[in-house]
Amino acid sequence: MIGSFLVPIIVPIAAFIGLAAWLGLVFWADAHPGWKAHAAAPGPEVTGAEVPPAVTEAGAPHGSEQAVPLRGRKAA
């Protein structure tokens, strides 16, 4: 029964090596994040229209509910 004699010696050593390797990989990945190299997400699309506030302080509708074109631009 040699196998049962070696198990209490080999299992803790293998577990310690495996845990040390796992922690080493975690710390290495934390120090080298890959997301920093990516470009930023594109910004919002500019439509060229101003939307008036929907409700005034009194709670009544304010102006029209449609977008108002900017000066010098035609409404689409």
PDB file of N, CA and C in Angstrom:
ATOM      1  N   MET A   1       0.831  -1.188   0.000  1.00  0.00           N
ATOM      2  CA  MET A   1       0.000   0.000   0.000  1.00  0.00           C
ATOM      3  C   MET A   1       0.877   1.253   0.000  1.00  0.00           C
ATOM      4  N   ILE A   2       1.727   1.317  -0.984  1.00  0.00           N
ATOM      5  CA  ILE A   2       2.631   2.450  -1.108  1.00  0.00           C
ATOM      6  C   ILE A   2       1.869   3.705  -1.503  1.00  0.00           C
ATOM      7  N   GLY A   3       0.842   3.575  -2.353  1.00  0.00           N
ATOM      8  CA  GLY A   3       0.080   4.729  -2.804  1.00  0.00           C
ATOM      9  C   GLY A   3      -0.563   5.479  -1.657  1.00  0.00           C
ATOM     10  N   SER A   4      -1.124   4.778  -0.696  1.00  0.00           N
ATOM     11  CA  SER A   4      -1.768   5.456   0.423  1.00  0.00           C
ATOM     12  C   SER A   4      -0.760   6.139   1.342  1.00  0.00           C
ATOM     13  N   PHE A   5       0.483   5.681   1.326  1.00  0.00           N
ATOM     14  CA  PHE A   5       1.527   6.311   2.137  1.00  0.00           C
ATOM     15  C   PHE A   5       1.993   7.623   1.494  1.00  0.00           C
ATOM     16  N   LEU A   6       2.035   7.693   0.157  1.00  0.00           N
ATOM     17  CA  LEU A   6       2.542   8.884  -0.531  1.00  0.00           C
ATOM     18  C   LEU A   6       1.486   9.988  -0.693  1.00  0.00           C
ATOM     19  N   VAL A   7       0.224   9.629  -0.597  1.00  0.00           N
ATOM     20  CA  VAL A   7      -0.845  10.615  -0.812  1.00  0.00           C
ATOM     21  C   VAL A   7      -0.764  11.784   0.166  1.00  0.00           C
ATOM     22  N   PRO A   8      -0.591  11.566   1.478  1.00  0.00           N
ATOM     23  CA  PRO A   8      -0.526  12.730   2.390  1.00  0.00           C
ATOM     24  C   PRO A   8       0.699  13.616   2.159  1.00  0.00           C
ATOM     25  N   ILE A   9       1.668  13.132   1.438  1.00  0.00           N
ATOM     26  CA  ILE A   9       2.859  13.937   1.159  1.00  0.00           C
ATOM     27  C   ILE A   9       2.693  14.687  -0.171  1.00  0.00           C
ATOM     28  N   ILE A  10       2.230  14.013  -1.211  1.00  0.00           N
ATOM     29  CA  ILE A  10       2.184  14.594  -2.552  1.00  0.00           C
ATOM     30  C   ILE A  10       0.997  15.551  -2.725  1.00  0.00           C
ATOM     31  N   VAL A  11      -0.159  15.235  -2.181  1.00  0.00           N
ATOM     32  CA  VAL A  11      -1.349  16.078  -2.388  1.00  0.00           C
ATOM     33  C   VAL A  11      -1.153  17.493  -1.842  1.00  0.00           C
ATOM     34  N   PRO A  12      -0.660  17.705  -0.626  1.00  0.00           N
ATOM     35  CA  PRO A  12      -0.463  19.099  -0.170  1.00  0.00           C
ATOM     36  C   PRO A  12       0.578  19.851  -0.999  1.00  0.00           C
ATOM     37  N   ILE A  13       1.618  19.159  -1.444  1.00  0.00           N
ATOM     38  CA  ILE A  13       2.636  19.822  -2.256  1.00  0.00           C
ATOM     39  C   ILE A  13       2.039  20.234  -3.602  1.00  0.00           C
ATOM     40  N   ALA A  14       1.293  19.339  -4.244  1.00  0.00           N
ATOM     41  CA  ALA A  14       0.676  19.652  -5.527  1.00  0.00           C
ATOM     42  C   ALA A  14      -0.375  20.756  -5.374  1.00  0.00           C
ATOM     43  N   ALA A  15      -1.128  20.733  -4.295  1.00  0.00           N
ATOM     44  CA  ALA A  15      -2.130  21.767  -4.058  1.00  0.00           C
ATOM     45  C   ALA A  15      -1.468  23.126  -3.842  1.00  0.00           C
ATOM     46  N   PHE A  16      -0.380  23.163  -3.112  1.00  0.00           N
ATOM     47  CA  PHE A  16       0.333  24.414  -2.875  1.00  0.00           C
ATOM     48  C   PHE A  16       0.907  24.970  -4.179  1.00  0.00           C
ATOM     49  N   ILE A  17       1.494  24.113  -5.000  1.00  0.00           N
ATOM     50  CA  ILE A  17       2.053  24.559  -6.279  1.00  0.00           C
ATOM     51  C   ILE A  17       0.933  25.067  -7.195  1.00  0.00           C
ATOM     52  N   GLY A  18      -0.186  24.342  -7.232  1.00  0.00           N
ATOM     53  CA  GLY A  18      -1.305  24.775  -8.059  1.00  0.00           C
ATOM     54  C   GLY A  18      -1.880  26.108  -7.599  1.00  0.00           C
ATOM     55  N   LEU A  19      -2.032  26.289  -6.297  1.00  0.00           N
ATOM     56  CA  LEU A  19      -2.547  27.544  -5.759  1.00  0.00           C
ATOM     57  C   LEU A  19      -1.585  28.697  -6.031  1.00  0.00           C
ATOM     58  N   ALA A  20      -0.286  28.454  -5.865  1.00  0.00           N
ATOM     59  CA  ALA A  20       0.712  29.498  -6.125  1.00  0.00           C
ATOM     60  C   ALA A  20       0.692  29.895  -7.605  1.00  0.00           C
ATOM     61  N   ALA A  21       0.568  28.913  -8.500  1.00  0.00           N
ATOM     62  CA  ALA A  21       0.519  29.213  -9.928  1.00  0.00           C
ATOM     63  C   ALA A  21      -0.748  30.008 -10.257  1.00  0.00           C
ATOM     64  N   TRP A  22      -1.869  29.622  -9.686  1.00  0.00           N
ATOM     65  CA  TRP A  22      -3.138  30.322  -9.933  1.00  0.00           C
ATOM     66  C   TRP A  22      -3.061  31.778  -9.453  1.00  0.00           C
ATOM     67  N   LEU A  23      -2.553  31.988  -8.249  1.00  0.00           N
ATOM     68  CA  LEU A  23      -2.436  33.356  -7.734  1.00  0.00           C
ATOM     69  C   LEU A  23      -1.454  34.172  -8.568  1.00  0.00           C
ATOM     70  N   GLY A  24      -0.382  33.541  -9.014  1.00  0.00           N
ATOM     71  CA  GLY A  24       0.577  34.236  -9.875  1.00  0.00           C
ATOM     72  C   GLY A  24      -0.061  34.688 -11.172  1.00  0.00           C
ATOM     73  N   LEU A  25      -0.889  33.835 -11.782  1.00  0.00           N
ATOM     74  CA  LEU A  25      -1.589  34.207 -13.011  1.00  0.00           C
ATOM     75  C   LEU A  25      -2.586  35.334 -12.769  1.00  0.00           C
ATOM     76  N   VAL A  26      -3.271  35.304 -11.649  1.00  0.00           N
ATOM     77  CA  VAL A  26      -4.238  36.361 -11.335  1.00  0.00           C
ATOM     78  C   VAL A  26      -3.530  37.703 -11.163  1.00  0.00           C
ATOM     79  N   PHE A  27      -2.423  37.717 -10.433  1.00  0.00           N
ATOM     80  CA  PHE A  27      -1.686  38.968 -10.239  1.00  0.00           C
ATOM     81  C   PHE A  27      -1.070  39.461 -11.546  1.00  0.00           C
ATOM     82  N   TRP A  28      -0.604  38.542 -12.395  1.00  0.00           N
ATOM     83  CA  TRP A  28      -0.039  38.934 -13.680  1.00  0.00           C
ATOM     84  C   TRP A  28      -1.123  39.541 -14.570  1.00  0.00           C
ATOM     85  N   ALA A  29      -2.295  38.928 -14.606  1.00  0.00           N
ATOM     86  CA  ALA A  29      -3.392  39.450 -15.423  1.00  0.00           C
ATOM     87  C   ALA A  29      -3.851  40.820 -14.912  1.00  0.00           C
ATOM     88  N   ASP A  30      -3.819  41.029 -13.609  1.00  0.00           N
ATOM     89  CA  ASP A  30      -4.207  42.327 -13.044  1.00  0.00           C
ATOM     90  C   ASP A  30      -3.201  43.409 -13.431  1.00  0.00           C
ATOM     91  N   ALA A  31      -1.939  43.050 -13.534  1.00  0.00           N
ATOM     92  CA  ALA A  31      -0.908  44.025 -13.882  1.00  0.00           C
ATOM     93  C   ALA A  31      -0.857  44.304 -15.380  1.00  0.00           C
ATOM     94  N   HIS A  32      -1.463  43.453 -16.214  1.00  0.00           N
ATOM     95  CA  HIS A  32      -1.425  43.608 -17.662  1.00  0.00           C
ATOM     96  C   HIS A  32      -2.839  43.572 -18.246  1.00  0.00           C
ATOM     97  N   PRO A  33      -3.685  44.561 -17.933  1.00  0.00           N
ATOM     98  CA  PRO A  33      -5.049  44.534 -18.486  1.00  0.00           C
ATOM     99  C   PRO A  33      -5.024  44.801 -19.981  1.00  0.00           C
ATOM    100  N   GLY A  34      -5.787  44.024 -20.729  1.00  0.00           N
ATOM    101  CA  GLY A  34      -5.813  44.182 -22.176  1.00  0.00           C
ATOM    102  C   GLY A  34      -6.784  45.234 -22.648  1.00  0.00           C
ATOM    103  N   TRP A  35      -7.716  45.660 -21.812  1.00  0.00           N
ATOM    104  CA  TRP A  35      -8.738  46.601 -22.250  1.00  0.00           C
ATOM    105  C   TRP A  35      -8.200  48.005 -22.420  1.00  0.00           C
ATOM    106  N   LYS A  36      -7.037  48.329 -21.877  1.00  0.00           N
ATOM    107  CA  LYS A  36      -6.504  49.681 -22.007  1.00  0.00           C
ATOM    108  C   LYS A  36      -6.058  49.990 -23.436  1.00  0.00           C
ATOM    109  N   ALA A  37      -5.752  48.967 -24.218  1.00  0.00           N
ATOM    110  CA  ALA A  37      -5.248  49.181 -25.566  1.00  0.00           C
ATOM    111  C   ALA A  37      -6.362  49.441 -26.569  1.00  0.00           C
ATOM    112  N   HIS A  38      -7.598  49.209 -26.219  1.00  0.00           N
ATOM    113  CA  HIS A  38      -8.702  49.371 -27.145  1.00  0.00           C
ATOM    114  C   HIS A  38      -9.093  50.842 -27.264  1.00  0.00           C
ATOM    115  N   ALA A  39      -9.651  51.199 -28.414  1.00  0.00           N
ATOM    116  CA  ALA A  39     -10.111  52.566 -28.644  1.00  0.00           C
ATOM    117  C   ALA A  39     -11.383  52.829 -27.850  1.00  0.00           C
ATOM    118  N   ALA A  40     -11.628  54.086 -27.606  1.00  0.00           N
ATOM    119  CA  ALA A  40     -12.830  54.470 -26.865  1.00  0.00           C
ATOM    120  C   ALA A  40     -14.062  54.244 -27.737  1.00  0.00           C
ATOM    121  N   ALA A  41     -15.184  54.061 -27.100  1.00  0.00           N
ATOM    122  CA  ALA A  41     -16.447  53.866 -27.812  1.00  0.00           C
ATOM    123  C   ALA A  41     -16.826  55.164 -28.521  1.00  0.00           C
ATOM    124  N   PRO A  42     -17.487  55.069 -29.671  1.00  0.00           N
ATOM    125  CA  PRO A  42     -17.887  56.290 -30.373  1.00  0.00           C
ATOM    126  C   PRO A  42     -18.908  57.079 -29.567  1.00  0.00           C
ATOM    127  N   GLY A  43     -18.872  58.392 -29.733  1.00  0.00           N
ATOM    128  CA  GLY A  43     -19.783  59.262 -29.001  1.00  0.00           C
ATOM    129  C   GLY A  43     -21.184  59.221 -29.576  1.00  0.00           C
ATOM    130  N   PRO A  44     -22.101  59.944 -28.975  1.00  0.00           N
ATOM    131  CA  PRO A  44     -23.479  59.954 -29.471  1.00  0.00           C
ATOM    132  C   PRO A  44     -23.562  60.657 -30.824  1.00  0.00           C
ATOM    133  N   GLU A  45     -24.537  60.266 -31.616  1.00  0.00           N
ATOM    134  CA  GLU A  45     -24.725  60.860 -32.939  1.00  0.00           C
ATOM    135  C   GLU A  45     -25.334  62.254 -32.783  1.00  0.00           C
ATOM    136  N   VAL A  46     -24.800  63.223 -33.514  1.00  0.00           N
ATOM    137  CA  VAL A  46     -25.311  64.590 -33.477  1.00  0.00           C
ATOM    138  C   VAL A  46     -26.368  64.720 -34.557  1.00  0.00           C
ATOM    139  N   THR A  47     -27.568  65.121 -34.164  1.00  0.00           N
ATOM    140  CA  THR A  47     -28.669  65.203 -35.119  1.00  0.00           C
ATOM    141  C   THR A  47     -28.903  66.607 -35.648  1.00  0.00           C
ATOM    142  N   GLY A  48     -28.407  67.618 -34.986  1.00  0.00           N
ATOM    143  CA  GLY A  48     -28.612  68.987 -35.446  1.00  0.00           C
ATOM    144  C   GLY A  48     -29.939  69.580 -35.025  1.00  0.00           C
ATOM    145  N   ALA A  49     -30.601  69.013 -34.040  1.00  0.00           N
ATOM    146  CA  ALA A  49     -31.873  69.550 -33.571  1.00  0.00           C
ATOM    147  C   ALA A  49     -31.826  69.697 -32.054  1.00  0.00           C
ATOM    148  N   GLU A  50     -32.499  70.711 -31.578  1.00  0.00           N
ATOM    149  CA  GLU A  50     -32.615  70.902 -30.136  1.00  0.00           C
ATOM    150  C   GLU A  50     -34.002  70.454 -29.704  1.00  0.00           C
ATOM    151  N   VAL A  51     -34.070  69.701 -28.660  1.00  0.00           N
ATOM    152  CA  VAL A  51     -35.357  69.238 -28.155  1.00  0.00           C
ATOM    153  C   VAL A  51     -35.711  70.099 -26.942  1.00  0.00           C
ATOM    154  N   PRO A  52     -36.845  70.797 -26.977  1.00  0.00           N
ATOM    155  CA  PRO A  52     -37.219  71.633 -25.831  1.00  0.00           C
ATOM    156  C   PRO A  52     -37.615  70.764 -24.646  1.00  0.00           C
ATOM    157  N   PRO A  53     -37.552  71.320 -23.440  1.00  0.00           N
ATOM    158  CA  PRO A  53     -37.987  70.542 -22.275  1.00  0.00           C
ATOM    159  C   PRO A  53     -39.449  70.142 -22.423  1.00  0.00           C
ATOM    160  N   ALA A  54     -39.791  68.952 -21.995  1.00  0.00           N
ATOM    161  CA  ALA A  54     -41.138  68.424 -22.195  1.00  0.00           C
ATOM    162  C   ALA A  54     -42.148  69.053 -21.237  1.00  0.00           C
ATOM    163  N   VAL A  55     -41.727  69.377 -20.035  1.00  0.00           N
ATOM    164  CA  VAL A  55     -42.674  69.868 -19.033  1.00  0.00           C
ATOM    165  C   VAL A  55     -42.047  71.047 -18.298  1.00  0.00           C
ATOM    166  N   THR A  56     -42.872  72.094 -18.029  1.00  0.00           N
ATOM    167  CA  THR A  56     -42.396  73.223 -17.248  1.00  0.00           C
ATOM    168  C   THR A  56     -42.520  72.898 -15.763  1.00  0.00           C
ATOM    169  N   GLU A  57     -42.158  73.859 -14.935  1.00  0.00           N
ATOM    170  CA  GLU A  57     -42.242  73.640 -13.490  1.00  0.00           C
ATOM    171  C   GLU A  57     -43.678  73.397 -13.035  1.00  0.00           C
ATOM    172  N   ALA A  58     -44.664  74.011 -13.726  1.00  0.00           N
ATOM    173  CA  ALA A  58     -46.059  73.866 -13.332  1.00  0.00           C
ATOM    174  C   ALA A  58     -46.634  72.520 -13.786  1.00  0.00           C
ATOM    175  N   GLY A  59     -45.920  71.799 -14.660  1.00  0.00           N
ATOM    176  CA  GLY A  59     -46.398  70.508 -15.110  1.00  0.00           C
ATOM    177  C   GLY A  59     -47.122  70.559 -16.434  1.00  0.00           C
ATOM    178  N   ALA A  60     -47.288  71.732 -17.027  1.00  0.00           N
ATOM    179  CA  ALA A  60     -47.964  71.846 -18.327  1.00  0.00           C
ATOM    180  C   ALA A  60     -46.949  71.608 -19.435  1.00  0.00           C
ATOM    181  N   PRO A  61     -47.417  71.153 -20.602  1.00  0.00           N
ATOM    182  CA  PRO A  61     -46.495  70.957 -21.732  1.00  0.00           C
ATOM    183  C   PRO A  61     -45.828  72.270 -22.112  1.00  0.00           C
ATOM    184  N   HIS A  62     -44.595  72.187 -22.555  1.00  0.00           N
ATOM    185  CA  HIS A  62     -43.820  73.363 -22.909  1.00  0.00           C
ATOM    186  C   HIS A  62     -43.529  73.335 -24.396  1.00  0.00           C
ATOM    187  N   GLY A  63     -44.085  74.264 -25.164  1.00  0.00           N
ATOM    188  CA  GLY A  63     -43.804  74.341 -26.592  1.00  0.00           C
ATOM    189  C   GLY A  63     -44.357  73.135 -27.324  1.00  0.00           C
ATOM    190  N   SER A  64     -43.829  72.865 -28.489  1.00  0.00           N
ATOM    191  CA  SER A  64     -44.292  71.706 -29.252  1.00  0.00           C
ATOM    192  C   SER A  64     -43.525  70.466 -28.797  1.00  0.00           C
ATOM    193  N   GLU A  65     -44.035  69.315 -29.146  1.00  0.00           N
ATOM    194  CA  GLU A  65     -43.389  68.073 -28.771  1.00  0.00           C
ATOM    195  C   GLU A  65     -42.388  67.614 -29.828  1.00  0.00           C
ATOM    196  N   GLN A  66     -42.280  68.353 -30.943  1.00  0.00           N
ATOM    197  CA  GLN A  66     -41.355  67.988 -32.000  1.00  0.00           C
ATOM    198  C   GLN A  66     -40.044  68.725 -31.822  1.00  0.00           C
ATOM    199  N   ALA A  67     -39.006  68.186 -32.449  1.00  0.00           N
ATOM    200  CA  ALA A  67     -37.697  68.819 -32.373  1.00  0.00           C
ATOM    201  C   ALA A  67     -37.702  70.125 -33.155  1.00  0.00           C
ATOM    202  N   VAL A  68     -36.988  71.110 -32.646  1.00  0.00           N
ATOM    203  CA  VAL A  68     -36.888  72.406 -33.292  1.00  0.00           C
ATOM    204  C   VAL A  68     -35.549  72.453 -34.021  1.00  0.00           C
ATOM    205  N   PRO A  69     -35.530  72.716 -35.343  1.00  0.00           N
ATOM    206  CA  PRO A  69     -34.250  72.738 -36.054  1.00  0.00           C
ATOM    207  C   PRO A  69     -33.398  73.923 -35.604  1.00  0.00           C
ATOM    208  N   LEU A  70     -32.101  73.740 -35.679  1.00  0.00           N
ATOM    209  CA  LEU A  70     -31.171  74.824 -35.345  1.00  0.00           C
ATOM    210  C   LEU A  70     -31.254  75.918 -36.385  1.00  0.00           C
ATOM    211  N   ARG A  71     -30.795  77.102 -36.027  1.00  0.00           N
ATOM    212  CA  ARG A  71     -30.808  78.218 -36.956  1.00  0.00           C
ATOM    213  C   ARG A  71     -29.929  77.899 -38.166  1.00  0.00           C
ATOM    214  N   GLY A  72     -30.430  78.211 -39.355  1.00  0.00           N
ATOM    215  CA  GLY A  72     -29.654  78.019 -40.553  1.00  0.00           C
ATOM    216  C   GLY A  72     -29.700  76.604 -41.114  1.00  0.00           C
ATOM    217  N   ARG A  73     -30.474  75.713 -40.523  1.00  0.00           N
ATOM    218  CA  ARG A  73     -30.580  74.340 -41.012  1.00  0.00           C
ATOM    219  C   ARG A  73     -32.022  74.035 -41.356  1.00  0.00           C
ATOM    220  N   LYS A  74     -32.196  73.203 -42.347  1.00  0.00           N
ATOM    221  CA  LYS A  74     -33.537  72.788 -42.710  1.00  0.00           C
ATOM    222  C   LYS A  74     -33.943  71.574 -41.889  1.00  0.00           C
ATOM    223  N   ALA A  75     -35.223  71.488 -41.583  1.00  0.00           N
ATOM    224  CA  ALA A  75     -35.714  70.332 -40.830  1.00  0.00           C
ATOM    225  C   ALA A  75     -35.727  69.129 -41.764  1.00  0.00           C
ATOM    226  N   ALA A  76     -35.330  67.989 -41.233  1.00  0.00           N
ATOM    227  CA  ALA A  76     -35.278  66.767 -42.060  1.00  0.00           C
ATOM    228  C   ALA A  76     -36.615  66.093 -42.134  1.00  0.00           C
TER     229      ALA A  76
END
